[in-house]
Each structure stands twice: as structure tokens, then as C-alpha cells.
PDB file of N, CA and C in Angstrom:
ATOM      1  N   MET A   1     -14.492  21.188   6.916  1.00  0.00           N
ATOM      2  CA  MET A   1     -14.121  19.848   7.320  1.00  0.00           C
ATOM      3  C   MET A   1     -12.773  19.475   6.697  1.00  0.00           C
ATOM      4  N   LYS A   2     -11.918  18.855   7.484  1.00  0.00           N
ATOM      5  CA  LYS A   2     -10.578  18.483   7.035  1.00  0.00           C
ATOM      6  C   LYS A   2     -10.634  17.287   6.099  1.00  0.00           C
ATOM      7  N   LYS A   3      -9.916  17.379   4.971  1.00  0.00           N
ATOM      8  CA  LYS A   3      -9.849  16.289   3.998  1.00  0.00           C
ATOM      9  C   LYS A   3      -9.088  15.116   4.611  1.00  0.00           C
ATOM     10  N   PRO A   4      -9.626  13.885   4.486  1.00  0.00           N
ATOM     11  CA  PRO A   4      -8.911  12.731   5.062  1.00  0.00           C
ATOM     12  C   PRO A   4      -7.587  12.491   4.354  1.00  0.00           C
ATOM     13  N   LYS A   5      -6.634  11.966   5.093  1.00  0.00           N
ATOM     14  CA  LYS A   5      -5.344  11.588   4.509  1.00  0.00           C
ATOM     15  C   LYS A   5      -5.578  10.406   3.565  1.00  0.00           C
ATOM     16  N   GLU A   6      -4.743  10.309   2.546  1.00  0.00           N
ATOM     17  CA  GLU A   6      -4.875   9.236   1.567  1.00  0.00           C
ATOM     18  C   GLU A   6      -3.549   8.515   1.399  1.00  0.00           C
ATOM     19  N   ILE A   7      -3.639   7.220   1.159  1.00  0.00           N
ATOM     20  CA  ILE A   7      -2.493   6.448   0.706  1.00  0.00           C
ATOM     21  C   ILE A   7      -2.879   5.988  -0.692  1.00  0.00           C
ATOM     22  N   ARG A   8      -2.101   6.423  -1.677  1.00  0.00           N
ATOM     23  CA  ARG A   8      -2.471   6.237  -3.080  1.00  0.00           C
ATOM     24  C   ARG A   8      -1.657   5.139  -3.755  1.00  0.00           C
ATOM     25  N   PHE A   9      -2.357   4.437  -4.647  1.00  0.00           N
ATOM     26  CA  PHE A   9      -1.758   3.403  -5.479  1.00  0.00           C
ATOM     27  C   PHE A   9      -2.188   3.664  -6.914  1.00  0.00           C
ATOM     28  N   THR A  10      -1.291   3.440  -7.877  1.00  0.00           N
ATOM     29  CA  THR A  10      -1.647   3.665  -9.275  1.00  0.00           C
ATOM     30  C   THR A  10      -2.458   2.503  -9.841  1.00  0.00           C
ATOM     31  N   LYS A  11      -2.183   1.279  -9.368  1.00  0.00           N
ATOM     32  CA  LYS A  11      -2.872   0.084  -9.861  1.00  0.00           C
ATOM     33  C   LYS A  11      -3.225  -0.816  -8.685  1.00  0.00           C
ATOM     34  N   TRP A  12      -4.140  -1.746  -8.938  1.00  0.00           N
ATOM     35  CA  TRP A  12      -4.484  -2.733  -7.921  1.00  0.00           C
ATOM     36  C   TRP A  12      -3.314  -3.693  -7.731  1.00  0.00           C
ATOM     37  N   LEU A  13      -2.895  -3.820  -6.493  1.00  0.00           N
ATOM     38  CA  LEU A  13      -1.818  -4.735  -6.123  1.00  0.00           C
ATOM     39  C   LEU A  13      -2.422  -5.936  -5.415  1.00  0.00           C
ATOM     40  N   GLN A  14      -1.787  -7.094  -5.578  1.00  0.00           N
ATOM     41  CA  GLN A  14      -2.299  -8.324  -4.981  1.00  0.00           C
ATOM     42  C   GLN A  14      -2.498  -8.179  -3.471  1.00  0.00           C
ATOM     43  N   LYS A  15      -1.608  -7.491  -2.800  1.00  0.00           N
ATOM     44  CA  LYS A  15      -1.715  -7.348  -1.339  1.00  0.00           C
ATOM     45  C   LYS A  15      -3.001  -6.644  -0.922  1.00  0.00           C
ATOM     46  N   LEU A  16      -3.555  -5.808  -1.792  1.00  0.00           N
ATOM     47  CA  LEU A  16      -4.786  -5.089  -1.454  1.00  0.00           C
ATOM     48  C   LEU A  16      -5.997  -6.014  -1.457  1.00  0.00           C
ATOM     49  N   ALA A  17      -5.877  -7.198  -2.075  1.00  0.00           N
ATOM     50  CA  ALA A  17      -6.978  -8.161  -2.085  1.00  0.00           C
ATOM     51  C   ALA A  17      -7.220  -8.745  -0.694  1.00  0.00           C
ATOM     52  N   MET A  18      -6.225  -8.628   0.173  1.00  0.00           N
ATOM     53  CA  MET A  18      -6.333  -9.224   1.511  1.00  0.00           C
ATOM     54  C   MET A  18      -6.932  -8.276   2.537  1.00  0.00           C
ATOM     55  N   ILE A  19      -7.157  -7.032   2.156  1.00  0.00           N
ATOM     56  CA  ILE A  19      -7.638  -6.055   3.133  1.00  0.00           C
ATOM     57  C   ILE A  19      -8.964  -5.456   2.684  1.00  0.00           C
ATOM     58  N   ASP A  20      -9.636  -4.788   3.617  1.00  0.00           N
ATOM     59  CA  ASP A  20     -10.880  -4.085   3.323  1.00  0.00           C
ATOM     60  C   ASP A  20     -10.536  -2.649   2.949  1.00  0.00           C
ATOM     61  N   CYS A  21     -10.532  -2.375   1.643  1.00  0.00           N
ATOM     62  CA  CYS A  21     -10.176  -1.039   1.146  1.00  0.00           C
ATOM     63  C   CYS A  21     -11.326  -0.047   1.261  1.00  0.00           C
ATOM     64  N   SER A  22     -12.506  -0.526   1.646  1.00  0.00           N
ATOM     65  CA  SER A  22     -13.660   0.373   1.732  1.00  0.00           C
ATOM     66  C   SER A  22     -13.674   1.170   3.032  1.00  0.00           C
ATOM     67  N   GLN A  23     -12.868   0.753   3.992  1.00  0.00           N
ATOM     68  CA  GLN A  23     -12.768   1.437   5.282  1.00  0.00           C
ATOM     69  C   GLN A  23     -11.373   2.048   5.433  1.00  0.00           C
ATOM     70  N   PRO A  24     -11.244   3.099   6.242  1.00  0.00           N
ATOM     71  CA  PRO A  24      -9.902   3.659   6.465  1.00  0.00           C
ATOM     72  C   PRO A  24      -8.954   2.630   7.073  1.00  0.00           C
ATOM     73  N   VAL A  25      -7.688   2.790   6.753  1.00  0.00           N
ATOM     74  CA  VAL A  25      -6.628   1.961   7.325  1.00  0.00           C
ATOM     75  C   VAL A  25      -5.794   2.843   8.242  1.00  0.00           C
ATOM     76  N   THR A  26      -5.129   2.224   9.214  1.00  0.00           N
ATOM     77  CA  THR A  26      -4.340   2.961  10.198  1.00  0.00           C
ATOM     78  C   THR A  26      -2.859   2.708   9.976  1.00  0.00           C
ATOM     79  N   LEU A  27      -2.088   3.778   9.909  1.00  0.00           N
ATOM     80  CA  LEU A  27      -0.633   3.648   9.801  1.00  0.00           C
ATOM     81  C   LEU A  27      -0.100   3.198  11.157  1.00  0.00           C
ATOM     82  N   ILE A  28       0.546   2.030  11.199  1.00  0.00           N
ATOM     83  CA  ILE A  28       1.031   1.505  12.470  1.00  0.00           C
ATOM     84  C   ILE A  28       2.557   1.475  12.579  1.00  0.00           C
ATOM     85  N   HIS A  29       3.247   1.717  11.454  1.00  0.00           N
ATOM     86  CA  HIS A  29       4.717   1.706  11.502  1.00  0.00           C
ATOM     87  C   HIS A  29       5.273   2.416  10.271  1.00  0.00           C
ATOM     88  N   ALA A  30       6.367   3.111  10.461  1.00  0.00           N
ATOM     89  CA  ALA A  30       7.101   3.741   9.357  1.00  0.00           C
ATOM     90  C   ALA A  30       8.589   3.600   9.656  1.00  0.00           C
ATOM     91  N   SER A  31       9.338   3.179   8.639  1.00  0.00           N
ATOM     92  CA  SER A  31      10.762   2.949   8.851  1.00  0.00           C
ATOM     93  C   SER A  31      11.550   3.251   7.578  1.00  0.00           C
ATOM     94  N   PRO A  32      12.548   4.127   7.657  1.00  0.00           N
ATOM     95  CA  PRO A  32      13.401   4.326   6.489  1.00  0.00           C
ATOM     96  C   PRO A  32      14.368   3.150   6.373  1.00  0.00           C
ATOM     97  N   THR A  33      14.634   2.732   5.157  1.00  0.00           N
ATOM     98  CA  THR A  33      15.565   1.626   4.943  1.00  0.00           C
ATOM     99  C   THR A  33      16.082   1.681   3.511  1.00  0.00           C
ATOM    100  N   ARG A  34      16.930   0.749   3.189  1.00  0.00           N
ATOM    101  CA  ARG A  34      17.453   0.625   1.833  1.00  0.00           C
ATOM    102  C   ARG A  34      16.806  -0.601   1.185  1.00  0.00           C
ATOM    103  N   ILE A  35      16.501  -0.477  -0.091  1.00  0.00           N
ATOM    104  CA  ILE A  35      15.912  -1.591  -0.838  1.00  0.00           C
ATOM    105  C   ILE A  35      16.782  -2.838  -0.701  1.00  0.00           C
ATOM    106  N   SER A  36      18.092  -2.659  -0.719  1.00  0.00           N
ATOM    107  CA  SER A  36      19.019  -3.798  -0.666  1.00  0.00           C
ATOM    108  C   SER A  36      18.898  -4.602   0.628  1.00  0.00           C
ATOM    109  N   ARG A  37      18.299  -4.055   1.658  1.00  0.00           N
ATOM    110  CA  ARG A  37      18.139  -4.759   2.930  1.00  0.00           C
ATOM    111  C   ARG A  37      16.873  -5.618   2.976  1.00  0.00           C
ATOM    112  N   LEU A  38      16.025  -5.489   1.978  1.00  0.00           N
ATOM    113  CA  LEU A  38      14.754  -6.214   1.986  1.00  0.00           C
ATOM    114  C   LEU A  38      14.870  -7.487   1.147  1.00  0.00           C
ATOM    115  N   PRO A  39      14.345  -8.598   1.656  1.00  0.00           N
ATOM    116  CA  PRO A  39      14.415  -9.857   0.908  1.00  0.00           C
ATOM    117  C   PRO A  39      13.623  -9.783  -0.397  1.00  0.00           C
ATOM    118  N   SER A  40      14.093 -10.502  -1.379  1.00  0.00           N
ATOM    119  CA  SER A  40      13.448 -10.542  -2.683  1.00  0.00           C
ATOM    120  C   SER A  40      11.985 -10.986  -2.574  1.00  0.00           C
ATOM    121  N   ALA A  41      11.701 -11.976  -1.743  1.00  0.00           N
ATOM    122  CA  ALA A  41      10.324 -12.471  -1.590  1.00  0.00           C
ATOM    123  C   ALA A  41       9.410 -11.366  -1.046  1.00  0.00           C
ATOM    124  N   PHE A  42       9.925 -10.553  -0.125  1.00  0.00           N
ATOM    125  CA  PHE A  42       9.121  -9.452   0.394  1.00  0.00           C
ATOM    126  C   PHE A  42       8.852  -8.416  -0.699  1.00  0.00           C
ATOM    127  N   LEU A  43       9.872  -8.086  -1.472  1.00  0.00           N
ATOM    128  CA  LEU A  43       9.693  -7.112  -2.553  1.00  0.00           C
ATOM    129  C   LEU A  43       8.676  -7.608  -3.574  1.00  0.00           C
ATOM    130  N   GLN A  44       8.687  -8.912  -3.850  1.00  0.00           N
ATOM    131  CA  GLN A  44       7.699  -9.473  -4.770  1.00  0.00           C
ATOM    132  C   GLN A  44       6.295  -9.346  -4.189  1.00  0.00           C
ATOM    133  N   TYR A  45       6.124  -9.689  -2.909  1.00  0.00           N
ATOM    134  CA  TYR A  45       4.821  -9.537  -2.247  1.00  0.00           C
ATOM    135  C   TYR A  45       4.341  -8.087  -2.334  1.00  0.00           C
ATOM    136  N   ASP A  46       5.219  -7.164  -2.041  1.00  0.00           N
ATOM    137  CA  ASP A  46       4.819  -5.768  -1.913  1.00  0.00           C
ATOM    138  C   ASP A  46       4.510  -5.101  -3.243  1.00  0.00           C
ATOM    139  N   THR A  47       5.064  -5.605  -4.338  1.00  0.00           N
ATOM    140  CA  THR A  47       4.939  -4.910  -5.631  1.00  0.00           C
ATOM    141  C   THR A  47       4.125  -5.661  -6.680  1.00  0.00           C
ATOM    142  N   LYS A  48       3.577  -6.826  -6.359  1.00  0.00           N
ATOM    143  CA  LYS A  48       2.860  -7.645  -7.352  1.00  0.00           C
ATOM    144  C   LYS A  48       1.483  -7.068  -7.666  1.00  0.00           C
ATOM    145  N   PHE A  49       1.261  -6.793  -8.953  1.00  0.00           N
ATOM    146  CA  PHE A  49      -0.055  -6.360  -9.417  1.00  0.00           C
ATOM    147  C   PHE A  49      -1.022  -7.534  -9.396  1.00  0.00           C
ATOM    148  N   THR A  50      -2.319  -7.257  -9.381  1.00  0.00           N
ATOM    149  CA  THR A  50      -3.311  -8.321  -9.440  1.00  0.00           C
ATOM    150  C   THR A  50      -3.223  -9.042 -10.783  1.00  0.00           C
ATOM    151  N   GLY A  51      -3.638 -10.285 -10.758  1.00  0.00           N
ATOM    152  CA  GLY A  51      -3.615 -11.075 -11.984  1.00  0.00           C
ATOM    153  C   GLY A  51      -2.197 -11.373 -12.429  1.00  0.00           C
ATOM    154  N   ASP A  52      -2.031 -11.487 -13.714  1.00  0.00           N
ATOM    155  CA  ASP A  52      -0.734 -11.819 -14.306  1.00  0.00           C
ATOM    156  C   ASP A  52      -0.105 -10.580 -14.913  1.00  0.00           C
ATOM    157  N   ARG A  53      -0.099  -9.469 -14.171  1.00  0.00           N
ATOM    158  CA  ARG A  53       0.300  -8.186 -14.747  1.00  0.00           C
ATOM    159  C   ARG A  53       1.665  -7.707 -14.279  1.00  0.00           C
ATOM    160  N   GLY A  54       2.421  -8.574 -13.656  1.00  0.00           N
ATOM    161  CA  GLY A  54       3.782  -8.206 -13.293  1.00  0.00           C
ATOM    162  C   GLY A  54       3.897  -7.488 -11.959  1.00  0.00           C
ATOM    163  N   PHE A  55       4.952  -6.676 -11.857  1.00  0.00           N
ATOM    164  CA  PHE A  55       5.328  -6.043 -10.601  1.00  0.00           C
ATOM    165  C   PHE A  55       5.589  -4.558 -10.808  1.00  0.00           C
ATOM    166  N   TYR A  56       5.364  -3.773  -9.747  1.00  0.00           N
ATOM    167  CA  TYR A  56       5.718  -2.360  -9.772  1.00  0.00           C
ATOM    168  C   TYR A  56       7.242  -2.267  -9.860  1.00  0.00           C
ATOM    169  N   ASN A  57       7.743  -1.426 -10.726  1.00  0.00           N
ATOM    170  CA  ASN A  57       9.176  -1.309 -10.963  1.00  0.00           C
ATOM    171  C   ASN A  57       9.829  -0.420  -9.896  1.00  0.00           C
ATOM    172  N   LEU A  58      10.749  -0.988  -9.151  1.00  0.00           N
ATOM    173  CA  LEU A  58      11.470  -0.248  -8.111  1.00  0.00           C
ATOM    174  C   LEU A  58      12.860   0.195  -8.565  1.00  0.00           C
ATOM    175  N   ASP A  59      13.180   0.003  -9.838  1.00  0.00           N
ATOM    176  CA  ASP A  59      14.488   0.435 -10.338  1.00  0.00           C
ATOM    177  C   ASP A  59      14.670   1.926 -10.061  1.00  0.00           C
ATOM    178  N   GLY A  60      15.847   2.272  -9.636  1.00  0.00           N
ATOM    179  CA  GLY A  60      16.143   3.673  -9.362  1.00  0.00           C
ATOM    180  C   GLY A  60      15.934   4.068  -7.910  1.00  0.00           C
ATOM    181  N   TYR A  61      15.279   3.195  -7.157  1.00  0.00           N
ATOM    182  CA  TYR A  61      15.087   3.480  -5.728  1.00  0.00           C
ATOM    183  C   TYR A  61      16.173   2.767  -4.931  1.00  0.00           C
ATOM    184  N   SER A  62      16.852   3.487  -4.091  1.00  0.00           N
ATOM    185  CA  SER A  62      17.781   2.817  -3.185  1.00  0.00           C
ATOM    186  C   SER A  62      17.319   3.015  -1.746  1.00  0.00           C
ATOM    187  N   GLU A  63      16.922   4.215  -1.395  1.00  0.00           N
ATOM    188  CA  GLU A  63      16.377   4.495  -0.066  1.00  0.00           C
ATOM    189  C   GLU A  63      14.859   4.609  -0.170  1.00  0.00           C
ATOM    190  N   ILE A  64      14.189   3.933   0.747  1.00  0.00           N
ATOM    191  CA  ILE A  64      12.731   3.949   0.741  1.00  0.00           C
ATOM    192  C   ILE A  64      12.216   4.088   2.177  1.00  0.00           C
ATOM    193  N   ILE A  65      10.917   4.322   2.288  1.00  0.00           N
ATOM    194  CA  ILE A  65      10.239   4.295   3.579  1.00  0.00           C
ATOM    195  C   ILE A  65       9.301   3.097   3.536  1.00  0.00           C
ATOM    196  N   LEU A  66       9.463   2.204   4.473  1.00  0.00           N
ATOM    197  CA  LEU A  66       8.596   1.045   4.605  1.00  0.00           C
ATOM    198  C   LEU A  66       7.459   1.429   5.545  1.00  0.00           C
ATOM    199  N   LEU A  67       6.237   1.404   5.018  1.00  0.00           N
ATOM    200  CA  LEU A  67       5.051   1.738   5.812  1.00  0.00           C
ATOM    201  C   LEU A  67       4.258   0.473   6.075  1.00  0.00           C
ATOM    202  N   MET A  68       3.716   0.363   7.276  1.00  0.00           N
ATOM    203  CA  MET A  68       2.825  -0.749   7.596  1.00  0.00           C
ATOM    204  C   MET A  68       1.502  -0.169   8.078  1.00  0.00           C
ATOM    205  N   PHE A  69       0.429  -0.672   7.484  1.00  0.00           N
ATOM    206  CA  PHE A  69      -0.923  -0.254   7.831  1.00  0.00           C
ATOM    207  C   PHE A  69      -1.699  -1.459   8.354  1.00  0.00           C
ATOM    208  N   ALA A  70      -2.787  -1.202   9.070  1.00  0.00           N
ATOM    209  CA  ALA A  70      -3.731  -2.244   9.466  1.00  0.00           C
ATOM    210  C   ALA A  70      -5.122  -1.782   9.072  1.00  0.00           C
ATOM    211  N   ASP A  71      -5.910  -2.717   8.508  1.00  0.00           N
ATOM    212  CA  ASP A  71      -7.282  -2.360   8.152  1.00  0.00           C
ATOM    213  C   ASP A  71      -8.173  -2.462   9.395  1.00  0.00           C
ATOM    214  N   ALA A  72      -9.466  -2.250   9.231  1.00  0.00           N
ATOM    215  CA  ALA A  72     -10.395  -2.219  10.359  1.00  0.00           C
ATOM    216  C   ALA A  72     -10.452  -3.541  11.113  1.00  0.00           C
ATOM    217  N   SER A  73     -10.156  -4.661  10.432  1.00  0.00           N
ATOM    218  CA  SER A  73     -10.178  -5.966  11.096  1.00  0.00           C
ATOM    219  C   SER A  73      -8.829  -6.331  11.707  1.00  0.00           C
ATOM    220  N   GLY A  74      -7.814  -5.489  11.492  1.00  0.00           N
ATOM    221  CA  GLY A  74      -6.491  -5.748  12.044  1.00  0.00           C
ATOM    222  C   GLY A  74      -5.530  -6.408  11.081  1.00  0.00           C
ATOM    223  N   THR A  75      -5.965  -6.673   9.854  1.00  0.00           N
ATOM    224  CA  THR A  75      -5.073  -7.267   8.860  1.00  0.00           C
ATOM    225  C   THR A  75      -4.043  -6.237   8.424  1.00  0.00           C
ATOM    226  N   ALA A  76      -2.782  -6.611   8.531  1.00  0.00           N
ATOM    227  CA  ALA A  76      -1.697  -5.684   8.215  1.00  0.00           C
ATOM    228  C   ALA A  76      -1.253  -5.847   6.765  1.00  0.00           C
ATOM    229  N   PHE A  77      -0.780  -4.749   6.199  1.00  0.00           N
ATOM    230  CA  PHE A  77      -0.150  -4.770   4.875  1.00  0.00           C
ATOM    231  C   PHE A  77       0.882  -3.664   4.836  1.00  0.00           C
ATOM    232  N   THR A  78       1.822  -3.811   3.917  1.00  0.00           N
ATOM    233  CA  THR A  78       2.906  -2.844   3.801  1.00  0.00           C
ATOM    234  C   THR A  78       2.815  -2.117   2.471  1.00  0.00           C
ATOM    235  N   THR A  79       3.543  -1.028   2.397  1.00  0.00           N
ATOM    236  CA  THR A  79       3.777  -0.364   1.122  1.00  0.00           C
ATOM    237  C   THR A  79       5.095   0.380   1.226  1.00  0.00           C
ATOM    238  N   LEU A  80       5.751   0.523   0.092  1.00  0.00           N
ATOM    239  CA  LEU A  80       7.037   1.210   0.028  1.00  0.00           C
ATOM    240  C   LEU A  80       6.851   2.554  -0.647  1.00  0.00           C
ATOM    241  N   ARG A  81       7.522   3.562  -0.131  1.00  0.00           N
ATOM    242  CA  ARG A  81       7.489   4.893  -0.710  1.00  0.00           C
ATOM    243  C   ARG A  81       8.924   5.400  -0.840  1.00  0.00           C
ATOM    244  N   PRO A  82       9.213   6.146  -1.913  1.00  0.00           N
ATOM    245  CA  PRO A  82      10.568   6.704  -2.056  1.00  0.00           C
ATOM    246  C   PRO A  82      10.907   7.592  -0.857  1.00  0.00           C
ATOM    247  N   TYR A  83      12.136   7.499  -0.402  1.00  0.00           N
ATOM    248  CA  TYR A  83      12.574   8.303   0.741  1.00  0.00           C
ATOM    249  C   TYR A  83      12.941   9.717   0.316  1.00  0.00           C
ATOM    250  N   THR A  84      12.382  10.667   1.018  1.00  0.00           N
ATOM    251  CA  THR A  84      12.864  12.042   1.022  1.00  0.00           C
ATOM    252  C   THR A  84      12.762  12.496   2.472  1.00  0.00           C
ATOM    253  N   PRO A  85      13.555  13.454   2.896  1.00  0.00           N
ATOM    254  CA  PRO A  85      13.441  13.920   4.275  1.00  0.00           C
ATOM    255  C   PRO A  85      12.027  14.416   4.607  1.00  0.00           C
ATOM    256  N   ASP A  86      11.378  15.102   3.670  1.00  0.00           N
ATOM    257  CA  ASP A  86      10.021  15.603   3.922  1.00  0.00           C
ATOM    258  C   ASP A  86       9.017  14.470   4.070  1.00  0.00           C
ATOM    259  N   LYS A  87       9.116  13.449   3.196  1.00  0.00           N
ATOM    260  CA  LYS A  87       8.194  12.313   3.302  1.00  0.00           C
ATOM    261  C   LYS A  87       8.423  11.559   4.605  1.00  0.00           C
ATOM    262  N   TRP A  88       9.683  11.381   4.977  1.00  0.00           N
ATOM    263  CA  TRP A  88       9.984  10.687   6.233  1.00  0.00           C
ATOM    264  C   TRP A  88       9.385  11.458   7.402  1.00  0.00           C
ATOM    265  N   LYS A  89       9.571  12.755   7.439  1.00  0.00           N
ATOM    266  CA  LYS A  89       9.013  13.567   8.519  1.00  0.00           C
ATOM    267  C   LYS A  89       7.494  13.423   8.567  1.00  0.00           C
ATOM    268  N   TYR A  90       6.847  13.506   7.396  1.00  0.00           N
ATOM    269  CA  TYR A  90       5.391  13.403   7.331  1.00  0.00           C
ATOM    270  C   TYR A  90       4.906  12.055   7.869  1.00  0.00           C
ATOM    271  N   TYR A  91       5.408  10.949   7.302  1.00  0.00           N
ATOM    272  CA  TYR A  91       4.916   9.636   7.698  1.00  0.00           C
ATOM    273  C   TYR A  91       5.258   9.302   9.145  1.00  0.00           C
ATOM    274  N   SER A  92       6.424   9.692   9.611  1.00  0.00           N
ATOM    275  CA  SER A  92       6.771   9.378  10.998  1.00  0.00           C
ATOM    276  C   SER A  92       5.864  10.116  11.987  1.00  0.00           C
ATOM    277  N   GLN A  93       5.299  11.232  11.567  1.00  0.00           N
ATOM    278  CA  GLN A  93       4.371  11.983  12.422  1.00  0.00           C
ATOM    279  C   GLN A  93       2.925  11.511  12.291  1.00  0.00           C
ATOM    280  N   GLN A  94       2.661  10.616  11.342  1.00  0.00           N
ATOM    281  CA  GLN A  94       1.283  10.151  11.095  1.00  0.00           C
ATOM    282  C   GLN A  94       0.982   8.777  11.700  1.00  0.00           C
ATOM    283  N   ILE A  95       1.920   8.194  12.398  1.00  0.00           N
ATOM    284  CA  ILE A  95       1.685   6.879  12.998  1.00  0.00           C
ATOM    285  C   ILE A  95       0.492   6.972  13.946  1.00  0.00           C
ATOM    286  N   GLY A  96      -0.430   6.038  13.772  1.00  0.00           N
ATOM    287  CA  GLY A  96      -1.668   6.030  14.555  1.00  0.00           C
ATOM    288  C   GLY A  96      -2.827   6.727  13.863  1.00  0.00           C
ATOM    289  N   GLN A  97      -2.551   7.381  12.740  1.00  0.00           N
ATOM    290  CA  GLN A  97      -3.586   8.115  12.006  1.00  0.00           C
ATOM    291  C   GLN A  97      -4.211   7.233  10.933  1.00  0.00           C
ATOM    292  N   GLN A  98      -5.447   7.575  10.573  1.00  0.00           N
ATOM    293  CA  GLN A  98      -6.159   6.828   9.545  1.00  0.00           C
ATOM    294  C   GLN A  98      -5.968   7.450   8.171  1.00  0.00           C
ATOM    295  N   PHE A  99      -5.967   6.580   7.161  1.00  0.00           N
ATOM    296  CA  PHE A  99      -5.822   6.966   5.762  1.00  0.00           C
ATOM    297  C   PHE A  99      -6.895   6.262   4.939  1.00  0.00           C
ATOM    298  N   THR A 100      -7.355   6.929   3.913  1.00  0.00           N
ATOM    299  CA  THR A 100      -8.233   6.312   2.931  1.00  0.00           C
ATOM    300  C   THR A 100      -7.356   5.698   1.842  1.00  0.00           C
ATOM    301  N   VAL A 101      -7.653   4.463   1.461  1.00  0.00           N
ATOM    302  CA  VAL A 101      -6.928   3.800   0.365  1.00  0.00           C
ATOM    303  C   VAL A 101      -7.536   4.283  -0.953  1.00  0.00           C
ATOM    304  N   VAL A 102      -6.700   4.858  -1.808  1.00  0.00           N
ATOM    305  CA  VAL A 102      -7.139   5.351  -3.107  1.00  0.00           C
ATOM    306  C   VAL A 102      -6.347   4.622  -4.184  1.00  0.00           C
ATOM    307  N   VAL A 103      -7.076   3.975  -5.100  1.00  0.00           N
ATOM    308  CA  VAL A 103      -6.447   3.277  -6.222  1.00  0.00           C
ATOM    309  C   VAL A 103      -6.951   3.939  -7.494  1.00  0.00           C
ATOM    310  N   ARG A 104      -6.029   4.467  -8.287  1.00  0.00           N
ATOM    311  CA  ARG A 104      -6.413   5.182  -9.514  1.00  0.00           C
ATOM    312  C   ARG A 104      -6.983   4.267 -10.590  1.00  0.00           C
ATOM    313  N   GLU A 105      -6.539   3.028 -10.616  1.00  0.00           N
ATOM    314  CA  GLU A 105      -7.008   2.082 -11.619  1.00  0.00           C
ATOM    315  C   GLU A 105      -8.496   1.778 -11.377  1.00  0.00           C
ATOM    316  N   PRO A 106      -9.277   1.582 -12.430  1.00  0.00           N
ATOM    317  CA  PRO A 106     -10.710   1.305 -12.255  1.00  0.00           C
ATOM    318  C   PRO A 106     -10.968   0.066 -11.401  1.00  0.00           C
ATOM    319  N   ILE A 107     -12.082   0.077 -10.690  1.00  0.00           N
ATOM    320  CA  ILE A 107     -12.458  -1.025  -9.808  1.00  0.00           C
ATOM    321  C   ILE A 107     -12.595  -2.348 -10.575  1.00  0.00           C
ATOM    322  N   THR A 108     -12.870  -2.288 -11.860  1.00  0.00           N
ATOM    323  CA  THR A 108     -13.013  -3.528 -12.641  1.00  0.00           C
ATOM    324  C   THR A 108     -11.724  -4.336 -12.680  1.00  0.00           C
ATOM    325  N   LYS A 109     -10.587  -3.725 -12.379  1.00  0.00           N
ATOM    326  CA  LYS A 109      -9.308  -4.445 -12.311  1.00  0.00           C
ATOM    327  C   LYS A 109      -9.060  -5.017 -10.917  1.00  0.00           C
ATOM    328  N   SER A 110      -9.945  -4.680  -9.978  1.00  0.00           N
ATOM    329  CA  SER A 110      -9.784  -5.124  -8.602  1.00  0.00           C
ATOM    330  C   SER A 110     -10.120  -6.599  -8.453  1.00  0.00           C
ATOM    331  N   PRO A 111      -9.412  -7.310  -7.581  1.00  0.00           N
ATOM    332  CA  PRO A 111      -9.771  -8.698  -7.313  1.00  0.00           C
ATOM    333  C   PRO A 111     -11.114  -8.782  -6.597  1.00  0.00           C
ATOM    334  N   HIS A 112     -11.576  -7.678  -6.027  1.00  0.00           N
ATOM    335  CA  HIS A 112     -12.850  -7.653  -5.310  1.00  0.00           C
ATOM    336  C   HIS A 112     -14.032  -7.484  -6.257  1.00  0.00           C
ATOM    337  N   TYR A 113     -13.792  -7.071  -7.474  1.00  0.00           N
ATOM    338  CA  TYR A 113     -14.872  -6.709  -8.387  1.00  0.00           C
ATOM    339  C   TYR A 113     -15.848  -7.857  -8.628  1.00  0.00           C
ATOM    340  N   LYS A 114     -15.326  -9.043  -8.962  1.00  0.00           N
ATOM    341  CA  LYS A 114     -16.211 -10.186  -9.210  1.00  0.00           C
ATOM    342  C   LYS A 114     -16.967 -10.579  -7.951  1.00  0.00           C
ATOM    343  N   LEU A 115     -16.320 -10.447  -6.795  1.00  0.00           N
ATOM    344  CA  LEU A 115     -17.005 -10.741  -5.544  1.00  0.00           C
ATOM    345  C   LEU A 115     -18.165  -9.781  -5.309  1.00  0.00           C
ATOM    346  N   LEU A 116     -17.929  -8.503  -5.618  1.00  0.00           N
ATOM    347  CA  LEU A 116     -18.980  -7.500  -5.444  1.00  0.00           C
ATOM    348  C   LEU A 116     -20.175  -7.786  -6.349  1.00  0.00           C
ATOM    349  N   LEU A 117     -19.918  -8.331  -7.520  1.00  0.00           N
ATOM    350  CA  LEU A 117     -20.987  -8.658  -8.454  1.00  0.00           C
ATOM    351  C   LEU A 117     -21.616 -10.031  -8.188  1.00  0.00           C
ATOM    352  N   GLY A 118     -21.037 -10.765  -7.225  1.00  0.00           N
ATOM    353  CA  GLY A 118     -21.539 -12.093  -6.912  1.00  0.00           C
ATOM    354  C   GLY A 118     -21.150 -13.140  -7.938  1.00  0.00           C
ATOM    355  N   LEU A 119     -20.045 -12.928  -8.642  1.00  0.00           N
ATOM    356  CA  LEU A 119     -19.608 -13.851  -9.690  1.00  0.00           C
ATOM    357  C   LEU A 119     -18.641 -14.909  -9.187  1.00  0.00           C
ATOM    358  N   GLN A 120     -18.200 -14.826  -7.945  1.00  0.00           N
ATOM    359  CA  GLN A 120     -17.279 -15.845  -7.419  1.00  0.00           C
ATOM    360  C   GLN A 120     -17.818 -16.436  -6.151  1.00  0.00           C
TER     361      GLN A 120
END
């Protein structure tokens, strides 16, 4: 059986609180661009960790790939990935494909955790 594709995150990001991470998400758009072309408010949305834990550091990135996914209910979210020709080729060929959301940080840091326990 073929291993499902994954979109990986090192920590829980605020944007992931708006989607259903328990179901596969579908890649609906991929676009290479430069960080300098993206508005500051968008970069803050895309990189904000849950809680009061700051933002993912994009220093050193100038060219990136902007990916847009939709969860099973149709809620869209984006993520940025460093640009390389190989990554661009891969993601541009995966549009319409499903990915499993993988977050390395423990679920206890997730905004969904208290909801799962019935604490909110």
C-alpha cells in the first residue's frame, strides 16, 4: 500500500485551529513567489504559532512556494515552503491530491486539545 503524502509542521500554528486536521486535506493551489511580494498581515497569519508563542521565522527566505489547501469541509488554509526547483516540480504536480497534516509538536499544544477533552 502506498504511503499517503504528508504536509508537515514543526509546531501548532494558529491557522491549523480553523481546519479539521484529522482528515486529509487537498492541495488546491501552488505558486512560486518572493516573500517581499506578500503583505505583512498575510505573513503574520501564515506563521503565527498557537497561543502567545510568536511566529515561525522566515529570515533567510526570499523565494518561496505558496501552497493552498482545503480541508474536508472546504475551509482553505495556506502554508509557505522554501523554493527549490525540485520542490516546485513536486508540489505543482500534486495539485488535486490529498495530504495528511502532520504536526511534530505534541497534541497538548494544539488549540483543539481542550475541546477534545471537553474543557471548553
